[in-house]
Amino acid sequence: MQMISEDIAYFEEAERRRLTLSHLIYKGFPSWEGEPGTECFFEAYKELSAMLSDSIPLNLERAVFLIENAYLGNTMKYSDFQNEIGERVQYCQWRLNDLKLDSDDELAKNMAIFSLLTDTLSINQPGSEKTIVHYPLKYNLDDYDSQRDYTSHFVSSMLHSNMGQCYSMPLLYLVMAERMGAEAYLSYAPKHMFIKIKNDKGAWHNLELTCRSVLSDYHYMNGSYIKSEAIRNELYLAPVSKKETVAMLMAQLGRYYRVKYGYDSFIIKCAEQSERYAPNNIDAKIIEADYQTKLTMEIARLMNARTPEMLKEMSPDAYRHYVRMHQLYKEIDDSGYEEMPIEIYRNWLKHVAGLKEKEKSDSQLRLRKMVK
């Protein structure tokens, strides 16, 4: 009887293994749908997709809120988030009023935002004798990669702590610019995000919020892992449109889902939707490549396929995942993307921070004098 029971258990386990393998090959990782909180992500995806397809107006403020609120299980209040943004926008408007600057002037609006986020300011409240002291954002050197607290890079977290990173700082800037009707753009460097604006003559300037400086493209090219192919393909240093920025947030939604639950097809759904509207955003392709790598490795493990040749011989359908994985990595390599070693990134952060004391260029002074 014991032998029969062992045989039954063996065949049941073999059948479970076969079904699991079949699902992985033809459908991917099992869905987490039904787990508490997954509906928050699906709702956010639906609204972001509506923005990207122009079914509803693009709203960066709303998009940022949607992905952070999804991760937090819809526990945030949009009205509270709006009020936090609105308070800072009001300070910028009061600042323009203090300096008697045109509230419709593009550069004045941009530099009012930049000044608010990077300087200690005393702002007069209109209609009263009250003066408000506003302090600049601080760079979170202790958790710049959100390893201690994953939500430390959220804009909502920064609004409460006044500490942010190269992800949350530019997003807050753009949300405020959206409110004020100021023209500003996101831009990328390896492992980094910053703001691009134009001056009155149409020349581009880079606003580096992490070190409160105005930098040239040269500083990013000199201190980062940037290949010429990446410049040609507009992976880095190019201005990113509002729709492309929302598409980037769609990819982030997929990443947040993976962090909270694990791998399933929703991640691919987000990545593909992101890449559709922001083809130059390499992050979406990296997310998809990561998914395909995990899937291929799990399939190979269950099949005990030690080499690609064994995998191909055992199951051509399984082998297609291996092919897709390498196709994605080739596309990533061909784009000019190169992974920056973490130590190089840390050194680059120190380099940029040092520019805060050294950089006193004429272009910076011309930009800043309007709001000083």
Protein backbone atom coordinates (compact mmCIF):
# COMPACT_ATOMS: atom_id res chain seq x y z
CA MET A 1 0.00 0.00 0.00
CA GLN A 2 2.82 2.38 0.82
CA MET A 3 4.40 1.77 -2.59
CA ILE A 4 1.07 2.45 -4.33
CA SER A 5 0.65 5.67 -2.37
CA GLU A 6 4.16 6.75 -3.31
CA ASP A 7 3.47 5.98 -6.98
CA ILE A 8 0.25 8.01 -6.88
CA ALA A 9 2.05 10.92 -5.25
CA TYR A 10 4.80 10.70 -7.87
CA PHE A 11 2.38 10.80 -10.79
CA GLU A 12 0.37 13.62 -9.20
CA GLU A 13 3.54 15.65 -8.77
CA ALA A 14 4.57 14.89 -12.36
CA GLU A 15 1.18 16.06 -13.61
CA ARG A 16 1.39 19.26 -11.58
CA ARG A 17 4.84 19.86 -13.01
CA ARG A 18 3.58 19.25 -16.56
CA LEU A 19 0.66 21.65 -16.13
CA THR A 20 2.89 24.31 -14.59
CA LEU A 21 5.38 23.97 -17.42
CA SER A 22 2.65 24.13 -20.06
CA HIS A 23 1.24 27.29 -18.50
CA LEU A 24 4.67 28.92 -18.40
CA ILE A 25 5.42 28.09 -22.03
CA TYR A 26 2.10 29.14 -23.54
CA LYS A 27 0.73 31.73 -21.09
CA GLY A 28 3.65 32.91 -18.99
CA PHE A 29 3.72 33.22 -15.22
CA PRO A 30 0.40 32.58 -13.42
CA SER A 31 -1.66 35.71 -12.83
CA TRP A 32 -1.79 37.38 -9.44
CA GLU A 33 -5.24 38.71 -10.25
CA GLY A 34 -7.54 38.23 -7.28
CA GLU A 35 -4.83 38.98 -4.74
CA PRO A 36 -5.81 41.93 -2.50
CA GLY A 37 -4.76 45.20 -4.08
CA THR A 38 -4.19 44.01 -7.65
CA GLU A 39 -7.39 45.76 -8.72
CA CYS A 40 -5.72 49.06 -7.77
CA PHE A 41 -3.09 48.45 -10.43
CA PHE A 42 -5.65 47.42 -13.05
CA GLU A 43 -7.66 50.59 -12.41
CA ALA A 44 -4.53 52.74 -12.70
CA TYR A 45 -3.58 50.99 -15.95
CA LYS A 46 -6.99 51.69 -17.43
CA GLU A 47 -6.82 55.41 -16.66
CA LEU A 48 -3.22 55.78 -17.84
CA SER A 49 -4.11 53.98 -21.07
CA ALA A 50 -7.01 56.39 -21.59
CA MET A 51 -4.58 59.30 -21.26
CA LEU A 52 -2.10 57.79 -23.69
CA SER A 53 -4.77 57.04 -26.29
CA ASP A 54 -6.15 60.59 -25.95
CA SER A 55 -9.51 59.32 -24.67
CA ILE A 56 -9.02 61.69 -21.74
CA PRO A 57 -6.59 64.63 -21.41
CA LEU A 58 -3.02 63.97 -20.36
CA ASN A 59 -2.58 64.87 -16.71
CA LEU A 60 0.88 64.27 -15.30
CA GLU A 61 -0.17 65.14 -11.76
CA ARG A 62 -2.92 62.54 -11.90
CA ALA A 63 -0.61 59.98 -13.53
CA VAL A 64 1.99 60.29 -10.77
CA PHE A 65 -0.73 59.94 -8.16
CA LEU A 66 -2.23 56.88 -9.87
CA ILE A 67 0.89 54.73 -9.83
CA GLU A 68 1.89 55.63 -6.27
CA ASN A 69 -1.65 55.16 -4.99
CA ALA A 70 -1.84 51.76 -6.71
CA TYR A 71 1.27 50.57 -4.88
CA LEU A 72 -0.16 51.87 -1.61
CA GLY A 73 -3.47 50.05 -2.14
CA ASN A 74 -5.58 53.12 -2.95
CA THR A 75 -5.00 54.54 0.53
CA MET A 76 -4.06 58.02 -0.71
CA LYS A 77 -6.52 60.89 -1.22
CA TYR A 78 -6.14 62.70 -4.52
CA SER A 79 -7.42 65.93 -2.97
CA ASP A 80 -4.61 65.83 -0.37
CA PHE A 81 -2.04 65.25 -3.10
CA GLN A 82 -3.46 68.12 -5.14
CA ASN A 83 -3.41 70.44 -2.13
CA GLU A 84 0.26 69.67 -1.46
CA ILE A 85 1.11 70.54 -5.06
CA GLY A 86 -1.18 73.56 -5.06
CA GLU A 87 0.48 75.04 -1.98
CA ARG A 88 3.89 74.99 -3.66
CA VAL A 89 2.50 76.42 -6.89
CA GLN A 90 0.94 79.25 -4.89
CA TYR A 91 4.33 80.03 -3.33
CA CYS A 92 5.80 80.29 -6.84
CA GLN A 93 3.05 82.69 -7.86
CA TRP A 94 3.63 84.79 -4.75
CA ARG A 95 7.35 84.78 -5.51
CA LEU A 96 6.72 86.12 -9.01
CA ASN A 97 4.50 88.79 -7.49
CA ASP A 98 7.22 89.75 -4.98
CA LEU A 99 9.70 90.22 -7.81
CA LYS A 100 7.17 91.98 -10.03
CA LEU A 101 7.74 89.48 -12.82
CA ASP A 102 5.29 88.60 -15.56
CA SER A 103 3.37 85.51 -14.45
CA ASP A 104 2.98 84.53 -18.12
CA ASP A 105 6.71 84.65 -18.87
CA GLU A 106 7.97 81.11 -19.56
CA LEU A 107 11.45 81.53 -18.13
CA ALA A 108 10.19 83.42 -15.08
CA LYS A 109 7.74 80.62 -14.27
CA ASN A 110 10.39 77.94 -14.70
CA MET A 111 12.93 79.71 -12.57
CA ALA A 112 10.34 80.42 -9.88
CA ILE A 113 9.80 76.66 -9.62
CA PHE A 114 13.54 75.95 -9.71
CA SER A 115 14.20 78.58 -7.05
CA LEU A 116 11.46 77.24 -4.77
CA LEU A 117 12.81 73.69 -4.95
CA THR A 118 16.49 74.58 -4.59
CA ASP A 119 16.75 77.73 -2.43
CA THR A 120 15.70 78.90 1.01
CA LEU A 121 13.19 81.65 0.23
CA SER A 122 11.31 84.24 2.26
CA ILE A 123 8.01 84.81 0.47
CA ASN A 124 5.53 87.57 1.25
CA GLN A 125 1.93 86.44 1.46
CA PRO A 126 -0.21 88.88 -0.57
CA GLY A 127 -2.72 90.89 1.43
CA SER A 128 -0.94 90.37 4.73
CA GLU A 129 2.32 91.15 6.49
CA LYS A 130 3.09 87.47 6.88
CA THR A 131 6.35 86.13 5.47
CA ILE A 132 6.66 82.42 4.70
CA VAL A 133 10.08 80.77 4.78
CA HIS A 134 10.29 77.87 2.34
CA TYR A 135 13.20 75.43 2.46
CA PRO A 136 14.71 73.58 -0.52
CA LEU A 137 14.42 69.90 -1.27
CA LYS A 138 17.20 67.74 0.09
CA TYR A 139 18.77 64.85 -1.81
CA ASN A 140 18.26 61.56 0.00
CA LEU A 141 21.84 60.29 0.05
CA ASP A 142 21.00 57.66 2.66
CA ASP A 143 18.46 55.90 0.44
CA TYR A 144 19.03 57.20 -3.08
CA ASP A 145 18.11 53.80 -4.60
CA SER A 146 15.11 53.06 -2.33
CA GLN A 147 16.69 49.95 -0.86
CA ARG A 148 15.71 50.81 2.72
CA ASP A 149 12.22 52.13 1.96
CA TYR A 150 10.84 51.42 -1.49
CA THR A 151 8.45 54.35 -1.30
CA SER A 152 11.25 56.83 -0.57
CA HIS A 153 11.38 57.73 -4.27
CA PHE A 154 7.66 58.51 -4.44
CA VAL A 155 6.65 62.12 -5.05
CA SER A 156 4.06 61.77 -2.29
CA SER A 157 6.79 60.70 0.15
CA MET A 158 8.95 63.66 -0.83
CA LEU A 159 6.08 66.08 -0.29
CA HIS A 160 5.98 64.97 3.35
CA SER A 161 9.69 64.50 4.06
CA ASN A 162 11.12 67.22 1.78
CA MET A 163 13.74 64.65 0.78
CA GLY A 164 13.86 63.18 -2.69
CA GLN A 165 15.91 61.59 -5.42
CA CYS A 166 16.64 62.11 -9.08
CA TYR A 167 13.32 60.42 -9.87
CA SER A 168 10.92 62.27 -7.59
CA MET A 169 12.51 65.73 -7.80
CA PRO A 170 12.08 66.17 -11.58
CA LEU A 171 8.58 64.72 -11.47
CA LEU A 172 7.52 67.24 -8.82
CA TYR A 173 9.03 70.00 -10.94
CA LEU A 174 7.07 68.86 -14.01
CA VAL A 175 3.82 68.55 -12.08
CA MET A 176 4.25 72.11 -10.82
CA ALA A 177 5.14 73.30 -14.33
CA GLU A 178 1.98 71.64 -15.63
CA ARG A 179 -0.07 73.54 -13.05
CA MET A 180 1.59 76.85 -13.94
CA GLY A 181 1.51 76.33 -17.69
CA ALA A 182 5.31 76.44 -17.93
CA GLU A 183 7.15 74.64 -20.72
CA ALA A 184 9.53 72.09 -19.23
CA TYR A 185 10.65 68.61 -20.19
CA LEU A 186 12.01 65.50 -18.56
CA SER A 187 15.34 64.17 -19.79
CA TYR A 188 17.43 61.10 -19.01
CA ALA A 189 21.01 60.20 -18.27
CA PRO A 190 22.10 56.71 -17.13
CA LYS A 191 20.29 55.94 -13.85
CA HIS A 192 19.24 59.58 -13.73
CA MET A 193 16.50 62.07 -14.58
CA PHE A 194 16.63 65.86 -14.81
CA ILE A 195 14.78 68.83 -16.31
CA LYS A 196 15.32 70.59 -19.62
CA ILE A 197 14.04 74.11 -20.31
CA LYS A 198 14.64 76.79 -22.95
CA ASN A 199 15.76 80.33 -22.31
CA ASP A 200 14.37 83.40 -24.08
CA LYS A 201 16.58 82.72 -27.11
CA GLY A 202 15.54 79.08 -27.43
CA ALA A 203 18.76 77.61 -26.03
CA TRP A 204 18.40 74.49 -23.89
CA HIS A 205 19.49 74.39 -20.24
CA ASN A 206 19.57 71.44 -17.85
CA LEU A 207 18.17 71.98 -14.37
CA GLU A 208 19.87 69.57 -11.97
CA LEU A 209 17.70 69.54 -8.87
CA THR A 210 19.85 67.06 -6.96
CA CYS A 211 22.70 69.56 -6.66
CA ARG A 212 20.70 72.75 -7.29
CA SER A 213 22.65 73.69 -10.41
CA VAL A 214 22.21 74.49 -14.09
CA LEU A 215 24.46 72.14 -16.05
CA SER A 216 25.45 71.64 -19.66
CA ASP A 217 25.08 68.38 -21.58
CA TYR A 218 28.86 68.06 -21.35
CA HIS A 219 28.69 67.40 -17.60
CA TYR A 220 26.39 64.42 -18.12
CA MET A 221 28.43 63.08 -21.03
CA ASN A 222 31.68 63.51 -19.11
CA GLY A 223 30.51 61.89 -15.88
CA SER A 224 28.12 59.18 -17.11
CA TYR A 225 28.16 56.02 -19.23
CA ILE A 226 26.76 57.61 -22.39
CA LYS A 227 27.63 56.17 -25.80
CA SER A 228 27.27 58.10 -29.04
CA GLU A 229 24.63 55.57 -30.18
CA ALA A 230 22.53 56.42 -27.13
CA ILE A 231 22.66 60.10 -28.06
CA ARG A 232 21.70 59.36 -31.68
CA ASN A 233 18.82 57.16 -30.54
CA GLU A 234 17.69 59.86 -28.09
CA LEU A 235 17.93 57.60 -25.06
CA TYR A 236 19.73 60.33 -23.16
CA LEU A 237 19.88 64.14 -22.99
CA ALA A 238 16.90 64.61 -25.34
CA PRO A 239 13.73 66.39 -24.16
CA VAL A 240 10.92 63.94 -23.37
CA SER A 241 7.34 64.92 -24.21
CA LYS A 242 4.52 64.90 -21.70
CA LYS A 243 2.94 61.84 -23.32
CA GLU A 244 6.28 60.02 -23.24
CA THR A 245 6.62 60.93 -19.56
CA VAL A 246 3.20 59.44 -18.81
CA ALA A 247 4.26 56.36 -20.83
CA MET A 248 7.34 56.08 -18.61
CA LEU A 249 5.03 56.07 -15.59
CA MET A 250 3.09 53.22 -17.20
CA ALA A 251 6.30 51.16 -17.20
CA GLN A 252 6.82 52.15 -13.57
CA LEU A 253 3.34 50.85 -12.76
CA GLY A 254 4.43 47.44 -14.04
CA ARG A 255 7.59 47.60 -11.96
CA TYR A 256 5.64 48.51 -8.83
CA TYR A 257 3.34 45.55 -9.49
CA ARG A 258 6.32 43.18 -9.75
CA VAL A 259 7.83 44.51 -6.51
CA LYS A 260 4.56 44.06 -4.65
CA TYR A 261 3.34 40.77 -6.12
CA GLY A 262 5.77 39.13 -8.51
CA TYR A 263 5.87 38.29 -12.19
CA ASP A 264 2.87 37.87 -14.46
CA SER A 265 1.62 39.15 -17.82
CA PHE A 266 0.47 42.49 -16.37
CA ILE A 267 4.13 43.56 -16.29
CA ILE A 268 4.46 42.86 -20.01
CA LYS A 269 1.17 44.62 -20.67
CA CYS A 270 2.49 47.78 -18.99
CA ALA A 271 5.88 47.57 -20.70
CA GLU A 272 4.40 47.12 -24.17
CA GLN A 273 1.94 49.97 -23.67
CA SER A 274 4.77 52.18 -22.45
CA GLU A 275 7.01 51.34 -25.40
CA ARG A 276 4.17 51.99 -27.82
CA TYR A 277 4.00 55.65 -26.80
CA ALA A 278 7.63 56.15 -25.76
CA PRO A 279 9.75 53.99 -28.09
CA ASN A 280 12.98 55.66 -26.95
CA ASN A 281 12.40 54.84 -23.28
CA ILE A 282 14.76 51.91 -22.80
CA ASP A 283 13.34 51.19 -19.35
CA ALA A 284 10.25 49.46 -20.75
CA LYS A 285 12.39 47.13 -22.85
CA ILE A 286 14.61 46.35 -19.86
CA ILE A 287 11.53 45.43 -17.82
CA GLU A 288 10.34 43.11 -20.60
CA ALA A 289 13.81 41.56 -20.92
CA ASP A 290 13.90 40.93 -17.18
CA TYR A 291 10.51 39.19 -17.38
CA GLN A 292 11.61 37.01 -20.31
CA THR A 293 14.84 36.11 -18.52
CA LYS A 294 13.02 34.97 -15.39
CA LEU A 295 10.49 33.04 -17.48
CA THR A 296 13.14 31.35 -19.63
CA MET A 297 15.20 30.34 -16.61
CA GLU A 298 12.17 28.88 -14.83
CA ILE A 299 11.13 26.91 -17.92
CA ALA A 300 14.67 25.57 -18.39
CA ARG A 301 14.83 24.60 -14.71
CA LEU A 302 11.57 22.65 -14.81
CA MET A 303 12.62 20.90 -18.02
CA ASN A 304 16.12 20.25 -16.67
CA ALA A 305 17.47 21.77 -19.89
CA ARG A 306 21.09 22.63 -19.13
CA THR A 307 21.87 24.25 -22.48
CA PRO A 308 19.94 26.25 -25.10
CA GLU A 309 20.41 23.34 -27.50
CA MET A 310 18.75 20.96 -25.06
CA LEU A 311 15.88 23.40 -24.58
CA LYS A 312 15.36 23.69 -28.34
CA GLU A 313 15.44 19.92 -28.84
CA MET A 314 13.05 19.24 -25.95
CA SER A 315 10.51 21.94 -26.84
CA PRO A 316 10.69 24.43 -29.74
CA ASP A 317 7.83 26.34 -28.11
CA ALA A 318 9.85 26.73 -24.92
CA TYR A 319 12.91 27.72 -26.92
CA ARG A 320 11.09 30.71 -28.42
CA HIS A 321 11.25 32.38 -24.99
CA TYR A 322 15.03 32.02 -25.08
CA VAL A 323 15.06 33.55 -28.57
CA ARG A 324 12.84 36.45 -27.47
CA MET A 325 15.04 37.07 -24.45
CA HIS A 326 18.15 37.42 -26.62
CA GLN A 327 16.29 39.53 -29.15
CA LEU A 328 15.39 42.00 -26.40
CA TYR A 329 18.95 42.16 -25.09
CA LYS A 330 20.23 42.74 -28.63
CA GLU A 331 17.77 45.61 -29.08
CA ILE A 332 18.93 47.06 -25.77
CA ASP A 333 22.60 46.76 -26.76
CA ASP A 334 21.97 48.22 -30.23
CA SER A 335 20.27 51.25 -28.68
CA GLY A 336 23.53 52.31 -27.08
CA TYR A 337 22.41 51.50 -23.55
CA GLU A 338 25.08 50.34 -21.15
CA GLU A 339 24.58 49.45 -17.51
CA MET A 340 26.39 51.86 -15.23
CA PRO A 341 28.24 50.16 -12.34
CA ILE A 342 26.86 51.34 -9.03
CA GLU A 343 30.26 52.64 -7.87
CA ILE A 344 30.58 54.76 -11.00
CA TYR A 345 27.11 56.15 -10.33
CA ARG A 346 28.03 57.02 -6.75
CA ASN A 347 31.17 58.78 -7.95
CA TRP A 348 29.13 60.65 -10.54
CA LEU A 349 26.74 61.83 -7.83
CA LYS A 350 29.69 63.17 -5.85
CA HIS A 351 31.02 64.84 -9.00
CA VAL A 352 27.72 66.56 -9.70
CA ALA A 353 27.32 67.58 -6.07
CA GLY A 354 30.73 69.25 -6.23
CA LEU A 355 29.55 71.37 -9.13
CA LYS A 356 27.14 73.10 -6.78
CA GLU A 357 30.08 74.99 -5.27
CA LYS A 358 32.12 75.35 -8.44
CA GLU A 359 29.56 76.18 -11.11
CA LYS A 360 29.07 79.94 -11.41
CA SER A 361 28.82 80.13 -15.19
CA ASP A 362 27.33 83.10 -17.00
CA SER A 363 24.46 80.96 -18.29
CA GLN A 364 23.53 79.97 -14.75
CA LEU A 365 23.61 83.56 -13.57
CA ARG A 366 21.51 84.74 -16.50
CA LEU A 367 18.93 82.07 -15.75
CA ARG A 368 18.78 82.62 -12.01
CA LYS A 369 18.91 86.40 -11.75
CA MET A 370 15.27 86.65 -12.79
CA VAL A 371 14.09 85.10 -9.55
CA LYS A 372 16.88 86.04 -7.16
